[in-house]
Amino acid sequence: MSAAAEVFAERGVGVPLEEIARRAGVGVATLYRRFPTRADLAEAAFERSMSQYTEAVDRALANPRAGDGFRQLIFEVCELPARDAGLRDLLTTAFPATSAVEQRTAEAVEKLKVLIGRAQAEGAIRPDVVVADVVVMLLANSGVVAATAAAAPDAWRRFAALMVDAFRAGGGPLPPSPDEQQLRRSVALLTGSG
């Protein structure tokens, strides 16, 4: 799993499994015995990776000023896929609802709802911000990171700053947000699993 996490971080989920086996110092047959499909291997590797997102939400919640914690979170979750191609792929990979990755995702979403509520109560962010807005931002950031990684690897920083500004209280009304189920179906369509 460590070799898979390293290779996914460097090159994303599409890397040949033979390369992961080589990096791990095992034969491909050994890899397939332990992880019969790429999805099985990705789920095991991404369970560890998902903890980076949940830890970022926990740090933001620990900030006594929820608005500052929210801003800190936006920068952290935009930086994660810039450092790790696997984390970028994690956002557009569908996992079974019973998987550990989905369970951690659900926990992070619940904590993010709390953080958003606290930041809104402080008047630090728009009253109409919902979790789906952060998910859409993460998907957009993944596109920015993928498109600029070679030529402008720090472009995500400006994008994150623009997003922090967009979430700030005082903006005009927004159109309706997609609900969580619509976003989940979108990810499933992106990955061909839906």
N, C-alpha and C. Protein backbone atom coordinates (compact mmCIF):
# COMPACT_ATOMS: atom_id res chain seq x y z
N MET A 1 0.83 -1.20 0.00
CA MET A 1 0.00 0.00 0.00
C MET A 1 0.87 1.25 0.00
N SER A 2 1.98 1.20 0.70
CA SER A 2 2.86 2.36 0.73
C SER A 2 3.40 2.66 -0.67
N ALA A 3 3.78 1.62 -1.39
CA ALA A 3 4.28 1.82 -2.76
C ALA A 3 3.17 2.39 -3.63
N ALA A 4 1.95 1.88 -3.49
CA ALA A 4 0.83 2.38 -4.27
C ALA A 4 0.57 3.85 -3.95
N ALA A 5 0.58 4.20 -2.68
CA ALA A 5 0.35 5.59 -2.29
C ALA A 5 1.42 6.50 -2.88
N GLU A 6 2.68 6.05 -2.86
CA GLU A 6 3.78 6.87 -3.43
C GLU A 6 3.61 7.06 -4.93
N VAL A 7 3.33 5.96 -5.64
CA VAL A 7 3.20 6.05 -7.10
C VAL A 7 1.96 6.84 -7.47
N PHE A 8 0.85 6.62 -6.78
CA PHE A 8 -0.36 7.41 -7.04
C PHE A 8 -0.08 8.89 -6.80
N ALA A 9 0.66 9.21 -5.74
CA ALA A 9 0.98 10.61 -5.44
C ALA A 9 1.80 11.24 -6.55
N GLU A 10 2.71 10.47 -7.12
CA GLU A 10 3.56 11.00 -8.18
C GLU A 10 2.85 11.12 -9.52
N ARG A 11 2.04 10.08 -9.86
CA ARG A 11 1.53 10.01 -11.22
C ARG A 11 0.02 9.86 -11.33
N GLY A 12 -0.68 9.74 -10.22
CA GLY A 12 -2.13 9.58 -10.28
C GLY A 12 -2.54 8.12 -10.33
N VAL A 13 -3.84 7.90 -10.35
CA VAL A 13 -4.41 6.56 -10.25
C VAL A 13 -4.20 5.73 -11.52
N GLY A 14 -4.00 6.36 -12.65
CA GLY A 14 -3.89 5.65 -13.91
C GLY A 14 -2.58 4.92 -14.13
N VAL A 15 -1.68 4.97 -13.20
CA VAL A 15 -0.36 4.34 -13.35
C VAL A 15 -0.53 2.82 -13.50
N PRO A 16 0.29 2.18 -14.34
CA PRO A 16 0.20 0.73 -14.49
C PRO A 16 0.47 0.01 -13.17
N LEU A 17 -0.32 -1.01 -12.90
CA LEU A 17 -0.15 -1.75 -11.65
C LEU A 17 1.20 -2.46 -11.60
N GLU A 18 1.76 -2.78 -12.76
CA GLU A 18 3.07 -3.40 -12.81
C GLU A 18 4.13 -2.48 -12.18
N GLU A 19 3.97 -1.18 -12.38
CA GLU A 19 4.91 -0.24 -11.79
C GLU A 19 4.80 -0.22 -10.28
N ILE A 20 3.59 -0.33 -9.79
CA ILE A 20 3.39 -0.36 -8.33
C ILE A 20 4.02 -1.63 -7.76
N ALA A 21 3.80 -2.76 -8.43
CA ALA A 21 4.39 -4.02 -7.97
C ALA A 21 5.91 -3.93 -7.96
N ARG A 22 6.48 -3.36 -9.02
CA ARG A 22 7.93 -3.19 -9.10
C ARG A 22 8.43 -2.34 -7.93
N ARG A 23 7.76 -1.22 -7.67
CA ARG A 23 8.16 -0.32 -6.58
C ARG A 23 8.07 -1.02 -5.24
N ALA A 24 7.06 -1.88 -5.09
CA ALA A 24 6.86 -2.60 -3.82
C ALA A 24 7.81 -3.79 -3.69
N GLY A 25 8.47 -4.16 -4.79
CA GLY A 25 9.38 -5.29 -4.75
C GLY A 25 8.67 -6.63 -4.73
N VAL A 26 7.47 -6.66 -5.34
CA VAL A 26 6.70 -7.91 -5.41
C VAL A 26 6.32 -8.17 -6.86
N GLY A 27 5.90 -9.37 -7.13
CA GLY A 27 5.42 -9.70 -8.46
C GLY A 27 4.00 -9.19 -8.65
N VAL A 28 3.62 -9.04 -9.90
CA VAL A 28 2.27 -8.57 -10.20
C VAL A 28 1.23 -9.55 -9.66
N ALA A 29 1.52 -10.84 -9.73
CA ALA A 29 0.58 -11.84 -9.23
C ALA A 29 0.33 -11.64 -7.73
N THR A 30 1.37 -11.30 -6.99
CA THR A 30 1.21 -11.04 -5.55
C THR A 30 0.31 -9.84 -5.32
N LEU A 31 0.51 -8.80 -6.13
CA LEU A 31 -0.32 -7.61 -6.02
C LEU A 31 -1.78 -7.96 -6.29
N TYR A 32 -2.03 -8.73 -7.34
CA TYR A 32 -3.40 -9.09 -7.70
C TYR A 32 -4.05 -10.04 -6.69
N ARG A 33 -3.26 -10.88 -6.03
CA ARG A 33 -3.82 -11.73 -4.98
C ARG A 33 -4.34 -10.88 -3.82
N ARG A 34 -3.59 -9.87 -3.48
CA ARG A 34 -3.98 -9.01 -2.34
C ARG A 34 -5.05 -8.00 -2.75
N PHE A 35 -4.94 -7.47 -3.98
CA PHE A 35 -5.87 -6.46 -4.49
C PHE A 35 -6.32 -6.88 -5.88
N PRO A 36 -7.43 -7.61 -5.97
CA PRO A 36 -7.85 -8.17 -7.26
C PRO A 36 -8.14 -7.13 -8.35
N THR A 37 -8.49 -5.92 -7.96
CA THR A 37 -8.77 -4.88 -8.96
C THR A 37 -8.03 -3.60 -8.59
N ARG A 38 -7.89 -2.73 -9.57
CA ARG A 38 -7.29 -1.41 -9.34
C ARG A 38 -8.10 -0.66 -8.29
N ALA A 39 -9.44 -0.81 -8.34
CA ALA A 39 -10.31 -0.13 -7.38
C ALA A 39 -10.01 -0.57 -5.95
N ASP A 40 -9.75 -1.88 -5.78
CA ASP A 40 -9.42 -2.39 -4.44
C ASP A 40 -8.13 -1.76 -3.91
N LEU A 41 -7.13 -1.68 -4.78
CA LEU A 41 -5.84 -1.09 -4.39
C LEU A 41 -6.01 0.41 -4.12
N ALA A 42 -6.75 1.08 -5.00
CA ALA A 42 -6.96 2.52 -4.83
C ALA A 42 -7.70 2.80 -3.52
N GLU A 43 -8.70 1.99 -3.22
CA GLU A 43 -9.44 2.19 -1.97
C GLU A 43 -8.53 2.06 -0.76
N ALA A 44 -7.69 1.05 -0.76
CA ALA A 44 -6.78 0.85 0.37
C ALA A 44 -5.79 2.00 0.49
N ALA A 45 -5.24 2.44 -0.64
CA ALA A 45 -4.26 3.53 -0.62
C ALA A 45 -4.94 4.85 -0.26
N PHE A 46 -6.14 5.08 -0.80
CA PHE A 46 -6.81 6.35 -0.57
C PHE A 46 -7.39 6.48 0.83
N GLU A 47 -7.61 5.37 1.50
CA GLU A 47 -8.09 5.47 2.88
C GLU A 47 -7.07 6.25 3.71
N ARG A 48 -5.80 5.95 3.49
CA ARG A 48 -4.74 6.70 4.19
C ARG A 48 -4.72 8.16 3.73
N SER A 49 -4.85 8.37 2.43
CA SER A 49 -4.80 9.72 1.87
C SER A 49 -5.96 10.58 2.36
N MET A 50 -7.13 9.96 2.47
CA MET A 50 -8.30 10.71 2.90
C MET A 50 -8.10 11.33 4.27
N SER A 51 -7.27 10.71 5.08
CA SER A 51 -7.02 11.24 6.42
C SER A 51 -6.41 12.64 6.35
N GLN A 52 -5.70 12.96 5.27
CA GLN A 52 -5.13 14.31 5.15
C GLN A 52 -6.23 15.36 5.04
N TYR A 53 -7.30 15.03 4.33
CA TYR A 53 -8.44 15.96 4.24
C TYR A 53 -9.15 16.08 5.59
N THR A 54 -9.39 14.95 6.25
CA THR A 54 -10.09 15.01 7.53
C THR A 54 -9.26 15.73 8.59
N GLU A 55 -7.95 15.54 8.57
CA GLU A 55 -7.08 16.25 9.51
C GLU A 55 -7.10 17.75 9.26
N ALA A 56 -7.19 18.16 7.99
CA ALA A 56 -7.28 19.59 7.66
C ALA A 56 -8.58 20.18 8.22
N VAL A 57 -9.67 19.43 8.11
CA VAL A 57 -10.95 19.91 8.67
C VAL A 57 -10.85 19.99 10.19
N ASP A 58 -10.22 19.00 10.81
CA ASP A 58 -10.06 19.02 12.28
C ASP A 58 -9.25 20.24 12.73
N ARG A 59 -8.17 20.55 12.00
CA ARG A 59 -7.36 21.73 12.36
C ARG A 59 -8.20 23.01 12.22
N ALA A 60 -8.99 23.08 11.17
CA ALA A 60 -9.83 24.27 10.98
C ALA A 60 -10.86 24.40 12.10
N LEU A 61 -11.44 23.28 12.50
CA LEU A 61 -12.42 23.30 13.59
C LEU A 61 -11.78 23.70 14.92
N ALA A 62 -10.51 23.39 15.10
CA ALA A 62 -9.81 23.71 16.34
C ALA A 62 -9.51 25.21 16.46
N ASN A 63 -9.57 25.93 15.36
CA ASN A 63 -9.30 27.36 15.39
C ASN A 63 -10.46 28.06 16.12
N PRO A 64 -10.17 28.85 17.15
CA PRO A 64 -11.25 29.50 17.89
C PRO A 64 -12.04 30.51 17.04
N ARG A 65 -11.44 30.99 15.97
CA ARG A 65 -12.15 31.88 15.03
C ARG A 65 -12.49 31.05 13.79
N ALA A 66 -13.76 30.67 13.69
CA ALA A 66 -14.19 29.76 12.64
C ALA A 66 -13.92 30.32 11.24
N GLY A 67 -14.06 31.62 11.06
CA GLY A 67 -13.78 32.22 9.76
C GLY A 67 -12.33 32.04 9.36
N ASP A 68 -11.42 32.23 10.32
CA ASP A 68 -10.00 32.01 10.04
C ASP A 68 -9.73 30.53 9.75
N GLY A 69 -10.38 29.66 10.52
CA GLY A 69 -10.24 28.23 10.29
C GLY A 69 -10.73 27.83 8.91
N PHE A 70 -11.85 28.42 8.48
CA PHE A 70 -12.39 28.11 7.15
C PHE A 70 -11.42 28.56 6.06
N ARG A 71 -10.88 29.77 6.19
CA ARG A 71 -9.91 30.26 5.20
C ARG A 71 -8.67 29.37 5.16
N GLN A 72 -8.18 28.99 6.33
CA GLN A 72 -7.04 28.09 6.43
C GLN A 72 -7.36 26.77 5.72
N LEU A 73 -8.56 26.25 5.94
CA LEU A 73 -8.97 24.99 5.33
C LEU A 73 -8.96 25.08 3.81
N ILE A 74 -9.48 26.18 3.26
CA ILE A 74 -9.52 26.32 1.80
C ILE A 74 -8.11 26.23 1.23
N PHE A 75 -7.17 26.93 1.83
CA PHE A 75 -5.79 26.87 1.33
C PHE A 75 -5.20 25.47 1.49
N GLU A 76 -5.46 24.81 2.62
CA GLU A 76 -4.91 23.47 2.82
C GLU A 76 -5.47 22.47 1.83
N VAL A 77 -6.78 22.47 1.63
CA VAL A 77 -7.36 21.46 0.74
C VAL A 77 -7.07 21.76 -0.72
N CYS A 78 -6.74 23.00 -1.05
CA CYS A 78 -6.30 23.31 -2.41
C CYS A 78 -4.84 22.90 -2.62
N GLU A 79 -4.04 22.95 -1.56
CA GLU A 79 -2.63 22.57 -1.68
C GLU A 79 -2.44 21.05 -1.75
N LEU A 80 -3.28 20.29 -1.08
CA LEU A 80 -3.09 18.84 -1.02
C LEU A 80 -2.97 18.20 -2.41
N PRO A 81 -3.90 18.46 -3.34
CA PRO A 81 -3.74 17.83 -4.66
C PRO A 81 -2.60 18.42 -5.47
N ALA A 82 -2.12 19.59 -5.11
CA ALA A 82 -0.95 20.17 -5.80
C ALA A 82 0.31 19.38 -5.44
N ARG A 83 0.34 18.82 -4.24
CA ARG A 83 1.49 18.04 -3.78
C ARG A 83 1.36 16.56 -4.11
N ASP A 84 0.12 16.10 -4.35
CA ASP A 84 -0.13 14.66 -4.46
C ASP A 84 -1.16 14.40 -5.55
N ALA A 85 -0.72 13.89 -6.70
CA ALA A 85 -1.62 13.61 -7.81
C ALA A 85 -2.69 12.59 -7.43
N GLY A 86 -2.37 11.69 -6.53
CA GLY A 86 -3.35 10.71 -6.07
C GLY A 86 -4.51 11.38 -5.35
N LEU A 87 -4.22 12.40 -4.56
CA LEU A 87 -5.30 13.12 -3.87
C LEU A 87 -6.18 13.86 -4.88
N ARG A 88 -5.58 14.33 -5.96
CA ARG A 88 -6.37 14.98 -7.01
C ARG A 88 -7.33 13.95 -7.62
N ASP A 89 -6.84 12.74 -7.86
CA ASP A 89 -7.68 11.69 -8.41
C ASP A 89 -8.73 11.21 -7.41
N LEU A 90 -8.40 11.28 -6.14
CA LEU A 90 -9.33 10.86 -5.09
C LEU A 90 -10.66 11.60 -5.22
N LEU A 91 -10.60 12.87 -5.58
CA LEU A 91 -11.81 13.68 -5.66
C LEU A 91 -12.75 13.24 -6.77
N THR A 92 -12.22 12.56 -7.77
CA THR A 92 -13.06 12.14 -8.89
C THR A 92 -13.12 10.62 -9.02
N THR A 93 -12.93 9.94 -7.92
CA THR A 93 -13.00 8.49 -7.90
C THR A 93 -14.18 8.09 -7.03
N ALA A 94 -15.04 7.25 -7.59
CA ALA A 94 -16.20 6.77 -6.83
C ALA A 94 -15.82 5.47 -6.12
N PHE A 95 -16.21 5.37 -4.86
CA PHE A 95 -15.98 4.18 -4.06
C PHE A 95 -17.32 3.66 -3.57
N PRO A 96 -17.41 2.37 -3.27
CA PRO A 96 -18.67 1.85 -2.72
C PRO A 96 -19.05 2.60 -1.45
N ALA A 97 -20.34 2.76 -1.24
CA ALA A 97 -20.83 3.51 -0.07
C ALA A 97 -20.34 2.91 1.24
N THR A 98 -20.04 1.62 1.25
CA THR A 98 -19.60 0.97 2.49
C THR A 98 -18.10 1.04 2.69
N SER A 99 -17.38 1.64 1.75
CA SER A 99 -15.92 1.67 1.85
C SER A 99 -15.46 2.60 2.97
N ALA A 100 -14.25 2.35 3.44
CA ALA A 100 -13.67 3.20 4.48
C ALA A 100 -13.47 4.63 3.96
N VAL A 101 -13.15 4.76 2.67
CA VAL A 101 -12.97 6.10 2.10
C VAL A 101 -14.28 6.89 2.17
N GLU A 102 -15.38 6.25 1.80
CA GLU A 102 -16.68 6.94 1.85
C GLU A 102 -17.08 7.25 3.29
N GLN A 103 -16.75 6.37 4.22
CA GLN A 103 -17.06 6.63 5.63
C GLN A 103 -16.27 7.83 6.14
N ARG A 104 -14.99 7.89 5.78
CA ARG A 104 -14.17 9.06 6.19
C ARG A 104 -14.67 10.32 5.52
N THR A 105 -15.07 10.20 4.27
CA THR A 105 -15.62 11.35 3.55
C THR A 105 -16.86 11.87 4.27
N ALA A 106 -17.75 10.95 4.65
CA ALA A 106 -18.97 11.35 5.35
C ALA A 106 -18.64 12.05 6.67
N GLU A 107 -17.64 11.55 7.39
CA GLU A 107 -17.22 12.20 8.64
C GLU A 107 -16.70 13.60 8.38
N ALA A 108 -15.87 13.74 7.35
CA ALA A 108 -15.32 15.06 7.01
C ALA A 108 -16.42 16.03 6.61
N VAL A 109 -17.42 15.53 5.87
CA VAL A 109 -18.53 16.38 5.45
C VAL A 109 -19.30 16.89 6.66
N GLU A 110 -19.57 16.01 7.62
CA GLU A 110 -20.30 16.43 8.82
C GLU A 110 -19.52 17.49 9.60
N LYS A 111 -18.21 17.31 9.71
CA LYS A 111 -17.38 18.29 10.40
C LYS A 111 -17.33 19.61 9.63
N LEU A 112 -17.29 19.52 8.30
CA LEU A 112 -17.28 20.72 7.48
C LEU A 112 -18.58 21.50 7.64
N LYS A 113 -19.69 20.80 7.76
CA LYS A 113 -20.98 21.47 8.01
C LYS A 113 -20.92 22.28 9.31
N VAL A 114 -20.32 21.69 10.34
CA VAL A 114 -20.19 22.39 11.62
C VAL A 114 -19.33 23.64 11.44
N LEU A 115 -18.20 23.49 10.77
CA LEU A 115 -17.30 24.63 10.54
C LEU A 115 -18.00 25.73 9.76
N ILE A 116 -18.70 25.37 8.70
CA ILE A 116 -19.42 26.37 7.90
C ILE A 116 -20.45 27.08 8.77
N GLY A 117 -21.20 26.33 9.56
CA GLY A 117 -22.20 26.94 10.43
C GLY A 117 -21.59 27.93 11.41
N ARG A 118 -20.45 27.55 12.01
CA ARG A 118 -19.79 28.45 12.95
C ARG A 118 -19.27 29.70 12.25
N ALA A 119 -18.67 29.54 11.07
CA ALA A 119 -18.14 30.69 10.32
C ALA A 119 -19.28 31.61 9.87
N GLN A 120 -20.41 31.03 9.53
CA GLN A 120 -21.57 31.85 9.16
C GLN A 120 -22.12 32.59 10.37
N ALA A 121 -22.16 31.92 11.51
CA ALA A 121 -22.65 32.57 12.74
C ALA A 121 -21.76 33.75 13.13
N GLU A 122 -20.46 33.66 12.83
CA GLU A 122 -19.54 34.77 13.08
C GLU A 122 -19.71 35.89 12.06
N GLY A 123 -20.40 35.61 10.97
CA GLY A 123 -20.52 36.60 9.89
C GLY A 123 -19.28 36.64 9.00
N ALA A 124 -18.45 35.60 9.07
CA ALA A 124 -17.18 35.59 8.32
C ALA A 124 -17.35 35.11 6.89
N ILE A 125 -18.33 34.22 6.66
CA ILE A 125 -18.55 33.74 5.30
C ILE A 125 -20.03 33.93 4.93
N ARG A 126 -20.29 33.84 3.67
CA ARG A 126 -21.64 34.04 3.13
C ARG A 126 -22.64 33.14 3.86
N PRO A 127 -23.85 33.61 4.08
CA PRO A 127 -24.85 32.78 4.74
C PRO A 127 -25.38 31.65 3.85
N ASP A 128 -25.12 31.72 2.55
CA ASP A 128 -25.65 30.70 1.63
C ASP A 128 -24.60 29.66 1.22
N VAL A 129 -23.43 29.66 1.86
CA VAL A 129 -22.40 28.65 1.57
C VAL A 129 -22.86 27.30 2.12
N VAL A 130 -22.69 26.26 1.30
CA VAL A 130 -23.01 24.89 1.71
C VAL A 130 -21.81 24.00 1.37
N VAL A 131 -21.79 22.80 1.91
CA VAL A 131 -20.70 21.86 1.67
C VAL A 131 -20.48 21.64 0.17
N ALA A 132 -21.56 21.55 -0.58
CA ALA A 132 -21.44 21.31 -2.03
C ALA A 132 -20.59 22.39 -2.70
N ASP A 133 -20.62 23.61 -2.18
CA ASP A 133 -19.80 24.68 -2.76
C ASP A 133 -18.31 24.37 -2.59
N VAL A 134 -17.96 23.81 -1.46
CA VAL A 134 -16.56 23.45 -1.21
C VAL A 134 -16.17 22.28 -2.11
N VAL A 135 -17.07 21.34 -2.32
CA VAL A 135 -16.79 20.20 -3.19
C VAL A 135 -16.57 20.68 -4.63
N VAL A 136 -17.44 21.56 -5.10
CA VAL A 136 -17.28 22.10 -6.46
C VAL A 136 -15.95 22.85 -6.57
N MET A 137 -15.59 23.61 -5.52
CA MET A 137 -14.31 24.32 -5.52
C MET A 137 -13.15 23.33 -5.61
N LEU A 138 -13.24 22.21 -4.87
CA LEU A 138 -12.17 21.21 -4.92
C LEU A 138 -12.04 20.59 -6.31
N LEU A 139 -13.17 20.33 -6.95
CA LEU A 139 -13.14 19.79 -8.31
C LEU A 139 -12.50 20.80 -9.27
N ALA A 140 -12.87 22.06 -9.13
CA ALA A 140 -12.29 23.10 -9.98
C ALA A 140 -10.79 23.24 -9.71
N ASN A 141 -10.42 23.21 -8.46
CA ASN A 141 -9.00 23.30 -8.11
C ASN A 141 -8.21 22.15 -8.71
N SER A 142 -8.78 20.95 -8.70
CA SER A 142 -8.10 19.81 -9.31
C SER A 142 -7.82 20.08 -10.78
N GLY A 143 -8.76 20.71 -11.46
CA GLY A 143 -8.54 21.08 -12.86
C GLY A 143 -7.43 22.10 -13.01
N VAL A 144 -7.41 23.08 -12.11
CA VAL A 144 -6.35 24.10 -12.14
C VAL A 144 -4.99 23.44 -11.92
N VAL A 145 -4.90 22.58 -10.92
CA VAL A 145 -3.64 21.91 -10.61
C VAL A 145 -3.18 21.05 -11.78
N ALA A 146 -4.10 20.28 -12.34
CA ALA A 146 -3.73 19.40 -13.46
C ALA A 146 -3.26 20.20 -14.67
N ALA A 147 -3.93 21.31 -14.95
CA ALA A 147 -3.59 22.10 -16.13
C ALA A 147 -2.31 22.90 -15.98
N THR A 148 -1.96 23.27 -14.75
CA THR A 148 -0.83 24.18 -14.56
C THR A 148 0.38 23.55 -13.88
N ALA A 149 0.29 22.27 -13.53
CA ALA A 149 1.35 21.62 -12.73
C ALA A 149 2.74 21.79 -13.32
N ALA A 150 2.88 21.63 -14.62
CA ALA A 150 4.21 21.69 -15.23
C ALA A 150 4.72 23.12 -15.40
N ALA A 151 3.85 24.01 -15.85
CA ALA A 151 4.30 25.36 -16.21
C ALA A 151 4.13 26.39 -15.09
N ALA A 152 3.11 26.24 -14.27
CA ALA A 152 2.83 27.21 -13.20
C ALA A 152 2.33 26.45 -11.97
N PRO A 153 3.21 25.70 -11.30
CA PRO A 153 2.78 24.82 -10.22
C PRO A 153 2.16 25.51 -9.01
N ASP A 154 2.33 26.81 -8.87
CA ASP A 154 1.73 27.52 -7.74
C ASP A 154 0.46 28.29 -8.11
N ALA A 155 -0.08 28.05 -9.31
CA ALA A 155 -1.30 28.75 -9.73
C ALA A 155 -2.46 28.47 -8.79
N TRP A 156 -2.46 27.30 -8.15
CA TRP A 156 -3.53 26.96 -7.22
C TRP A 156 -3.63 27.98 -6.09
N ARG A 157 -2.52 28.63 -5.73
CA ARG A 157 -2.54 29.59 -4.63
C ARG A 157 -3.45 30.78 -4.95
N ARG A 158 -3.35 31.27 -6.18
CA ARG A 158 -4.22 32.39 -6.57
C ARG A 158 -5.67 31.92 -6.63
N PHE A 159 -5.89 30.72 -7.17
CA PHE A 159 -7.24 30.18 -7.21
C PHE A 159 -7.82 30.08 -5.80
N ALA A 160 -7.04 29.56 -4.86
CA ALA A 160 -7.52 29.42 -3.48
C ALA A 160 -7.86 30.80 -2.89
N ALA A 161 -7.01 31.79 -3.16
CA ALA A 161 -7.28 33.15 -2.65
C ALA A 161 -8.57 33.70 -3.25
N LEU A 162 -8.78 33.45 -4.52
CA LEU A 162 -10.03 33.89 -5.16
C LEU A 162 -11.23 33.20 -4.53
N MET A 163 -11.08 31.93 -4.20
CA MET A 163 -12.19 31.20 -3.57
C MET A 163 -12.46 31.71 -2.17
N VAL A 164 -11.41 31.98 -1.41
CA VAL A 164 -11.60 32.54 -0.07
C VAL A 164 -12.38 33.84 -0.18
N ASP A 165 -12.02 34.66 -1.13
CA ASP A 165 -12.73 35.93 -1.34
C ASP A 165 -14.18 35.68 -1.76
N ALA A 166 -14.42 34.69 -2.61
CA ALA A 166 -15.77 34.38 -3.05
C ALA A 166 -16.66 33.89 -1.90
N PHE A 167 -16.08 33.18 -0.94
CA PHE A 167 -16.84 32.68 0.20
C PHE A 167 -17.11 33.76 1.25
N ARG A 168 -16.36 34.86 1.19
CA ARG A 168 -16.48 35.91 2.20
C ARG A 168 -17.89 36.49 2.22
N ALA A 169 -18.35 36.85 3.40
CA ALA A 169 -19.69 37.44 3.55
C ALA A 169 -19.77 38.74 2.77
N GLY A 170 -20.96 39.02 2.28
CA GLY A 170 -21.20 40.30 1.62
C GLY A 170 -21.42 40.22 0.12
N GLY A 171 -21.31 39.05 -0.47
CA GLY A 171 -21.51 38.92 -1.91
C GLY A 171 -22.99 38.90 -2.27
N GLY A 172 -23.24 39.01 -3.56
CA GLY A 172 -24.62 38.96 -4.06
C GLY A 172 -25.18 37.54 -3.99
N PRO A 173 -26.46 37.40 -4.34
CA PRO A 173 -27.09 36.08 -4.26
C PRO A 173 -26.49 35.10 -5.27
N LEU A 174 -26.52 33.84 -4.90
CA LEU A 174 -25.99 32.77 -5.74
C LEU A 174 -27.14 31.95 -6.33
N PRO A 175 -26.93 31.32 -7.49
CA PRO A 175 -27.93 30.36 -7.97
C PRO A 175 -27.93 29.15 -7.05
N PRO A 176 -28.94 28.30 -7.15
CA PRO A 176 -28.99 27.13 -6.26
C PRO A 176 -27.76 26.24 -6.42
N SER A 177 -27.36 25.63 -5.32
CA SER A 177 -26.22 24.71 -5.32
C SER A 177 -26.70 23.31 -5.70
N PRO A 178 -25.85 22.53 -6.38
CA PRO A 178 -26.23 21.13 -6.57
C PRO A 178 -26.25 20.44 -5.21
N ASP A 179 -27.16 19.49 -5.05
CA ASP A 179 -27.17 18.79 -3.76
C ASP A 179 -26.10 17.70 -3.76
N GLU A 180 -25.88 17.12 -2.59
CA GLU A 180 -24.80 16.14 -2.44
C GLU A 180 -25.00 14.93 -3.34
N GLN A 181 -26.25 14.50 -3.52
CA GLN A 181 -26.51 13.34 -4.38
C GLN A 181 -26.18 13.65 -5.83
N GLN A 182 -26.49 14.85 -6.28
CA GLN A 182 -26.14 15.24 -7.65
C GLN A 182 -24.63 15.22 -7.84
N LEU A 183 -23.89 15.72 -6.85
CA LEU A 183 -22.44 15.71 -6.95
C LEU A 183 -21.89 14.29 -6.95
N ARG A 184 -22.45 13.41 -6.13
CA ARG A 184 -22.00 12.02 -6.11
C ARG A 184 -22.25 11.36 -7.46
N ARG A 185 -23.42 11.64 -8.07
CA ARG A 185 -23.70 11.07 -9.39
C ARG A 185 -22.74 11.63 -10.42
N SER A 186 -22.37 12.91 -10.29
CA SER A 186 -21.42 13.51 -11.22
C SER A 186 -20.07 12.82 -11.15
N VAL A 187 -19.60 12.54 -9.93
CA VAL A 187 -18.32 11.85 -9.76
C VAL A 187 -18.42 10.45 -10.36
N ALA A 188 -19.54 9.76 -10.13
CA ALA A 188 -19.71 8.42 -10.68
C ALA A 188 -19.68 8.45 -12.21
N LEU A 189 -20.28 9.46 -12.81
CA LEU A 189 -20.24 9.59 -14.28
C LEU A 189 -18.84 9.88 -14.78
N LEU A 190 -18.10 10.73 -14.04
CA LEU A 190 -16.72 11.03 -14.41
C LEU A 190 -15.85 9.78 -14.42
N THR A 191 -16.09 8.89 -13.48
CA THR A 191 -15.24 7.72 -13.34
C THR A 191 -15.77 6.51 -14.09
N GLY A 192 -16.94 6.67 -14.72
CA GLY A 192 -17.51 5.56 -15.47
C GLY A 192 -18.14 4.48 -14.61
N SER A 193 -18.38 4.79 -13.34
CA SER A 193 -18.97 3.77 -12.47
C SER A 193 -20.45 4.00 -12.25
N GLY A 194 -21.02 4.97 -12.95
CA GLY A 194 -22.44 5.24 -12.72
C GLY A 194 -23.24 5.28 -13.97
